[in-house]
N, C-alpha and C. Protein backbone atom coordinates (compact mmCIF):
# COMPACT_ATOMS: atom_id res chain seq x y z
N MET A 1 0.88 -1.13 -0.04
CA MET A 1 0.20 -0.20 0.10
C MET A 1 1.23 1.26 0.11
N GLN A 2 1.99 1.23 0.76
CA GLN A 2 2.65 2.29 0.73
C GLN A 2 3.36 2.73 -0.04
N ARG A 3 4.21 1.43 -1.10
CA ARG A 3 4.61 1.51 -2.34
C ARG A 3 3.69 1.96 -3.45
N GLU A 4 2.32 1.93 -3.29
CA GLU A 4 1.66 2.04 -4.32
C GLU A 4 1.64 3.65 -4.45
N PHE A 5 1.46 4.00 -2.88
CA PHE A 5 1.15 5.59 -2.76
C PHE A 5 2.33 6.39 -3.00
N GLN A 6 3.75 5.83 -2.85
CA GLN A 6 4.79 6.35 -3.17
C GLN A 6 4.87 6.50 -4.68
N GLN A 7 4.44 5.40 -5.45
CA GLN A 7 4.52 5.51 -6.80
C GLN A 7 3.58 6.67 -7.23
N ARG A 8 2.44 6.90 -6.89
CA ARG A 8 1.44 7.53 -7.32
C ARG A 8 1.91 9.14 -7.30
N ALA A 9 2.71 9.48 -6.12
CA ALA A 9 3.26 10.56 -5.69
C ALA A 9 4.00 10.94 -6.53
N ASP A 10 5.05 10.03 -6.68
CA ASP A 10 6.28 9.99 -7.66
C ASP A 10 5.60 10.70 -9.23
N ALA A 11 4.65 9.65 -9.69
CA ALA A 11 3.57 10.16 -10.95
C ALA A 11 3.37 11.71 -11.10
N VAL A 12 2.63 12.01 -9.75
CA VAL A 12 2.50 13.59 -9.97
C VAL A 12 3.38 14.48 -9.93
N THR A 13 4.46 14.31 -8.96
CA THR A 13 5.72 15.21 -9.04
C THR A 13 6.40 14.76 -10.40
N GLN A 14 6.26 14.00 -11.21
CA GLN A 14 7.11 13.99 -12.11
C GLN A 14 6.76 14.52 -13.34
N SER A 15 5.13 14.51 -13.76
CA SER A 15 4.15 15.02 -14.31
C SER A 15 4.43 16.55 -14.22
N ASP A 16 3.33 17.50 -14.41
CA ASP A 16 3.51 18.64 -15.01
C ASP A 16 3.60 19.63 -13.63
N GLY A 17 3.01 18.87 -12.87
CA GLY A 17 2.67 19.49 -11.30
C GLY A 17 1.47 19.92 -11.18
N ASN A 18 0.52 19.99 -11.91
CA ASN A 18 -1.06 20.41 -12.08
C ASN A 18 -1.61 19.20 -11.86
N PHE A 19 -2.00 18.94 -10.48
CA PHE A 19 -2.64 17.54 -10.43
C PHE A 19 -4.06 17.61 -11.03
N ILE A 20 -4.71 18.44 -11.80
CA ILE A 20 -5.73 18.71 -12.75
C ILE A 20 -5.53 17.68 -13.87
N THR A 21 -4.60 17.71 -14.04
CA THR A 21 -4.35 16.74 -15.25
C THR A 21 -4.44 15.53 -15.04
N ASN A 22 -4.32 14.89 -13.79
CA ASN A 22 -4.55 13.37 -13.67
C ASN A 22 -6.19 13.25 -13.47
N LEU A 23 -6.57 14.30 -13.37
CA LEU A 23 -8.32 13.73 -13.15
C LEU A 23 -9.16 13.80 -14.58
N PRO A 24 -9.56 12.54 -14.68
CA PRO A 24 -10.25 12.31 -16.26
C PRO A 24 -11.15 13.81 -16.40
N ALA A 25 -11.40 13.60 -17.70
CA ALA A 25 -12.21 15.13 -18.33
C ALA A 25 -13.24 14.98 -17.77
N GLY A 26 -14.16 13.76 -18.04
CA GLY A 26 -15.44 13.78 -17.42
C GLY A 26 -15.87 13.83 -16.32
N LEU A 27 -14.64 14.16 -15.32
CA LEU A 27 -14.60 14.33 -14.06
C LEU A 27 -14.70 15.82 -13.62
N GLN A 28 -13.91 16.34 -14.07
CA GLN A 28 -13.80 17.94 -14.93
C GLN A 28 -14.79 18.70 -14.95
N VAL A 29 -15.33 18.09 -15.91
CA VAL A 29 -16.63 18.42 -16.52
C VAL A 29 -17.50 18.60 -15.49
N GLY A 30 -17.73 17.50 -14.70
CA GLY A 30 -18.90 17.10 -13.79
C GLY A 30 -18.72 18.29 -12.80
N ILE A 31 -17.53 18.85 -12.27
CA ILE A 31 -17.20 19.51 -11.12
C ILE A 31 -17.58 20.60 -11.81
N GLU A 32 -16.88 21.23 -12.84
CA GLU A 32 -17.50 22.22 -13.30
C GLU A 32 -19.46 22.45 -13.48
N ARG A 33 -19.68 21.54 -13.96
CA ARG A 33 -21.22 21.78 -14.10
C ARG A 33 -22.20 21.73 -12.58
N VAL A 34 -21.48 21.00 -11.73
CA VAL A 34 -21.76 20.84 -10.34
C VAL A 34 -22.01 22.67 -9.83
N LEU A 35 -20.39 23.40 -10.05
CA LEU A 35 -20.33 24.95 -9.83
C LEU A 35 -21.25 25.37 -10.44
N LEU A 36 -21.24 25.27 -11.41
CA LEU A 36 -21.80 26.01 -12.22
C LEU A 36 -23.45 26.52 -12.14
N ALA A 37 -24.37 24.93 -11.63
CA ALA A 37 -25.09 25.22 -11.16
C ALA A 37 -25.71 25.56 -9.95
N THR A 38 -24.88 25.37 -9.19
CA THR A 38 -24.97 25.97 -7.82
C THR A 38 -24.86 27.61 -7.98
N LEU A 39 -23.79 27.63 -8.66
CA LEU A 39 -23.79 29.28 -8.89
C LEU A 39 -25.30 30.28 -9.40
N LEU A 40 -25.90 29.21 -10.57
CA LEU A 40 -27.12 29.87 -10.93
C LEU A 40 -28.02 29.86 -9.94
N GLY A 41 -28.50 28.49 -9.22
CA GLY A 41 -29.29 28.61 -8.09
C GLY A 41 -29.22 29.68 -7.22
N LEU A 42 -27.72 29.97 -6.57
CA LEU A 42 -27.99 30.63 -5.55
C LEU A 42 -27.81 32.07 -6.09
N GLY A 43 -27.42 32.24 -7.44
CA GLY A 43 -27.82 33.62 -7.91
C GLY A 43 -29.32 33.92 -7.89
N THR A 44 -29.99 32.92 -8.44
CA THR A 44 -31.47 32.84 -8.82
C THR A 44 -32.15 33.43 -7.59
N VAL A 45 -31.71 32.63 -6.35
CA VAL A 45 -32.35 32.56 -5.25
C VAL A 45 -32.08 33.86 -4.47
N PHE A 46 -30.99 34.39 -4.65
CA PHE A 46 -30.43 35.74 -4.44
C PHE A 46 -31.17 36.82 -4.66
N ILE A 47 -31.47 36.94 -5.99
CA ILE A 47 -32.41 37.87 -6.41
C ILE A 47 -33.58 37.90 -6.28
N LEU A 48 -33.99 36.37 -5.87
CA LEU A 48 -35.57 36.42 -5.87
C LEU A 48 -35.66 37.05 -4.30
N ASP A 49 -34.71 36.94 -3.38
CA ASP A 49 -34.59 37.15 -2.18
C ASP A 49 -34.83 38.85 -2.04
N GLY A 50 -34.06 39.34 -2.71
CA GLY A 50 -33.33 40.80 -2.90
C GLY A 50 -35.23 41.30 -3.15
N ILE A 51 -35.62 40.59 -4.20
CA ILE A 51 -36.96 41.08 -4.83
C ILE A 51 -38.02 41.33 -3.79
N LEU A 52 -38.18 39.90 -2.80
CA LEU A 52 -38.99 39.94 -1.83
C LEU A 52 -38.79 40.82 -0.55
N ILE A 53 -37.45 41.10 -0.32
CA ILE A 53 -36.67 41.83 0.79
C ILE A 53 -37.38 43.80 0.02
N THR A 54 -36.97 44.03 -1.22
CA THR A 54 -37.94 45.03 -1.51
C THR A 54 -38.88 45.11 -1.48
N TRP A 55 -39.64 44.51 -1.64
CA TRP A 55 -41.14 44.44 -1.89
C TRP A 55 -42.03 44.80 -0.30
N ASP A 56 -41.19 43.91 0.63
CA ASP A 56 -41.49 44.13 1.91
C ASP A 56 -41.15 45.55 2.52
N ALA A 57 -40.28 46.21 1.83
CA ALA A 57 -40.05 47.10 2.48
C ALA A 57 -40.31 48.25 2.15
N PHE A 58 -40.84 48.12 0.79
CA PHE A 58 -42.03 49.27 0.17
C PHE A 58 -43.18 49.50 1.00
N VAL A 59 -43.93 48.03 1.01
CA VAL A 59 -44.95 47.82 1.75
C VAL A 59 -45.00 48.44 3.04
N ILE A 60 -43.90 48.22 3.77
CA ILE A 60 -44.12 48.70 5.05
C ILE A 60 -43.77 50.21 5.08
N SER A 61 -43.00 50.88 4.09
CA SER A 61 -42.73 52.65 4.40
C SER A 61 -44.13 52.82 3.57
N SER A 62 -44.87 52.28 2.77
CA SER A 62 -45.99 52.98 2.18
C SER A 62 -47.21 52.85 3.09
N LYS A 63 -47.07 52.36 4.21
CA LYS A 63 -47.82 52.27 5.32
C LYS A 63 -49.12 50.92 4.87
N LYS A 64 -48.77 50.56 4.12
CA LYS A 64 -50.17 49.29 3.30
C LYS A 64 -50.01 48.27 4.27
N GLU A 65 -51.09 47.21 3.75
CA GLU A 65 -51.23 46.27 4.62
C GLU A 65 -50.58 44.94 4.25
N LEU A 66 -49.61 44.26 4.60
CA LEU A 66 -49.07 43.15 4.05
C LEU A 66 -49.48 41.54 4.13
N SER A 67 -49.68 41.09 3.32
CA SER A 67 -50.39 39.98 3.56
C SER A 67 -49.51 38.95 4.52
N PRO A 68 -50.12 37.86 4.90
CA PRO A 68 -49.20 37.44 6.03
C PRO A 68 -48.52 36.66 5.32
N ALA A 69 -48.70 35.87 4.17
CA ALA A 69 -47.71 34.83 3.19
C ALA A 69 -46.80 35.41 2.94
N VAL A 70 -46.63 36.94 2.36
CA VAL A 70 -45.83 37.59 2.00
C VAL A 70 -44.93 38.36 3.59
N ALA A 71 -45.39 38.23 4.21
CA ALA A 71 -44.71 38.63 5.54
C ALA A 71 -43.94 37.31 6.13
N GLY A 72 -44.36 36.07 6.07
CA GLY A 72 -43.86 34.74 6.63
C GLY A 72 -42.82 34.82 5.90
N LEU A 73 -42.64 34.74 4.58
CA LEU A 73 -41.82 34.93 3.55
C LEU A 73 -40.48 35.57 3.71
N ALA A 74 -40.89 36.89 4.01
CA ALA A 74 -39.88 37.89 4.56
C ALA A 74 -38.91 37.57 5.32
N ALA A 75 -39.99 37.28 6.55
CA ALA A 75 -39.33 37.02 8.08
C ALA A 75 -38.35 35.87 7.75
N PHE A 76 -38.45 34.76 6.61
CA PHE A 76 -37.53 33.76 6.70
C PHE A 76 -36.49 33.90 5.84
N ALA A 77 -36.69 35.14 4.75
CA ALA A 77 -35.41 35.45 3.72
C ALA A 77 -34.73 36.07 4.45
N GLU A 78 -34.90 37.34 4.90
CA GLU A 78 -34.07 37.99 5.59
C GLU A 78 -33.33 37.93 6.06
N PRO A 79 -33.01 37.02 7.19
CA PRO A 79 -31.75 36.58 8.10
C PRO A 79 -31.20 35.67 6.79
N LEU A 80 -31.38 35.61 6.20
CA LEU A 80 -30.56 34.27 5.27
C LEU A 80 -29.95 35.15 4.12
N PHE A 81 -30.37 36.29 3.89
CA PHE A 81 -29.65 37.14 3.08
C PHE A 81 -27.84 37.42 2.52
N THR A 82 -27.56 37.47 4.03
CA THR A 82 -26.30 38.00 4.22
C THR A 82 -25.38 36.24 3.92
N PRO A 83 -25.78 35.41 4.30
CA PRO A 83 -25.46 34.02 4.36
C PRO A 83 -25.59 33.84 2.98
N LEU A 84 -26.41 34.18 2.52
CA LEU A 84 -26.60 33.84 0.66
C LEU A 84 -26.26 34.34 -0.13
N ILE A 85 -25.18 35.68 0.23
CA ILE A 85 -24.40 35.85 -0.85
C ILE A 85 -22.70 35.70 -0.35
N VAL A 86 -22.73 35.32 1.07
CA VAL A 86 -21.58 35.12 1.23
C VAL A 86 -20.98 33.58 0.56
N THR A 87 -22.30 32.84 0.70
CA THR A 87 -21.74 31.52 -0.01
C THR A 87 -22.16 31.37 -1.54
N LEU A 88 -23.00 32.42 -2.35
CA LEU A 88 -22.84 33.07 -3.72
C LEU A 88 -21.12 33.58 -4.07
N PHE A 89 -20.38 34.11 -3.23
CA PHE A 89 -19.13 34.61 -3.62
C PHE A 89 -17.97 33.47 -3.51
N GLY A 90 -18.31 32.78 -2.30
CA GLY A 90 -17.77 31.88 -1.71
C GLY A 90 -17.64 30.71 -3.51
N ASN A 91 -19.06 30.30 -3.53
CA ASN A 91 -19.06 29.29 -5.13
C ASN A 91 -18.30 30.09 -5.94
N SER A 92 -18.34 31.64 -6.61
CA SER A 92 -17.94 31.99 -7.11
C SER A 92 -16.65 31.82 -7.41
N ILE A 93 -15.73 32.31 -6.09
CA ILE A 93 -14.24 32.03 -5.83
C ILE A 93 -14.02 30.87 -5.96
N VAL A 94 -14.49 29.69 -5.80
CA VAL A 94 -14.04 28.18 -5.97
C VAL A 94 -14.33 27.90 -7.46
N LEU A 95 -15.39 28.32 -8.53
CA LEU A 95 -15.42 28.28 -9.61
C LEU A 95 -14.06 28.89 -10.50
N GLY A 96 -13.62 30.28 -10.07
CA GLY A 96 -12.61 30.87 -10.70
C GLY A 96 -11.47 30.02 -10.22
N LEU A 97 -10.95 29.58 -9.09
CA LEU A 97 -10.11 28.57 -9.26
C LEU A 97 -10.04 27.73 -9.15
N PHE A 98 -10.80 26.88 -9.85
CA PHE A 98 -10.90 25.70 -10.34
C PHE A 98 -10.46 25.77 -11.91
N LYS A 99 -11.31 26.76 -12.75
CA LYS A 99 -11.03 27.43 -13.95
C LYS A 99 -9.65 27.83 -14.15
N TYR A 100 -9.14 28.52 -12.75
CA TYR A 100 -7.41 29.15 -13.19
C TYR A 100 -6.35 27.90 -13.31
N ILE A 101 -7.00 26.88 -12.75
CA ILE A 101 -5.97 25.52 -12.25
C ILE A 101 -6.10 24.83 -13.86
N GLN A 102 -7.27 25.08 -14.04
CA GLN A 102 -7.59 23.99 -15.52
C GLN A 102 -6.62 24.79 -16.44
N PHE A 103 -6.44 26.15 -16.64
CA PHE A 103 -6.18 27.02 -17.76
C PHE A 103 -4.40 27.02 -17.47
N SER A 104 -4.32 26.87 -16.80
CA SER A 104 -2.54 26.55 -15.94
C SER A 104 -1.81 25.59 -16.39
N ALA A 105 -2.53 24.34 -16.66
CA ALA A 105 -2.14 23.18 -17.03
C ALA A 105 -1.46 23.12 -18.04
N PRO A 106 -0.08 22.83 -18.39
CA PRO A 106 0.69 22.97 -20.09
C PRO A 106 -0.01 22.33 -20.61
N ALA A 107 -1.45 21.75 -20.89
CA ALA A 107 -1.74 21.09 -21.88
C ALA A 107 -3.14 22.02 -22.30
N ALA A 108 -3.44 22.91 -21.14
CA ALA A 108 -4.53 23.95 -21.90
C ALA A 108 -3.96 25.49 -22.44
N THR A 109 -2.32 25.62 -22.39
CA THR A 109 -1.47 26.29 -23.31
C THR A 109 -1.68 26.22 -24.56
N TYR A 110 -2.02 26.93 -25.29
CA TYR A 110 -2.05 27.09 -27.12
C TYR A 110 -0.54 27.55 -27.26
N LYS A 111 -0.16 26.42 -28.12
CA LYS A 111 1.55 26.90 -28.70
C LYS A 111 1.39 26.81 -30.43
N GLU A 112 1.89 27.21 -30.98
CA GLU A 112 2.17 27.53 -32.39
C GLU A 112 3.51 26.73 -32.63
N ASP A 113 3.74 26.07 -33.63
CA ASP A 113 4.71 25.06 -33.63
C ASP A 113 5.65 25.70 -34.77
């Protein structure tokens, strides 16, 4: 077991030094799709959350009656707004780092012979 681990470690260090080249292309595509889908989902929820909070603030400031359903949704959505944007930014950063690592691989560099 130790010998197999050492052989794998040696193979990685003798390669181009970029661990992403050892991942199968299908796995890389899967990781990217999950990150993009999460980013899209979090972004959509963030926008809808912002619209709901804005509507709640407008109704309160205009002294109109707020329906109990909207008031309940707003009470649920408002405390989640900041953690949601932090998670959205975190996911965006992870996606950016993943793409940076992919593009920094020597195989991704275009060269003319």
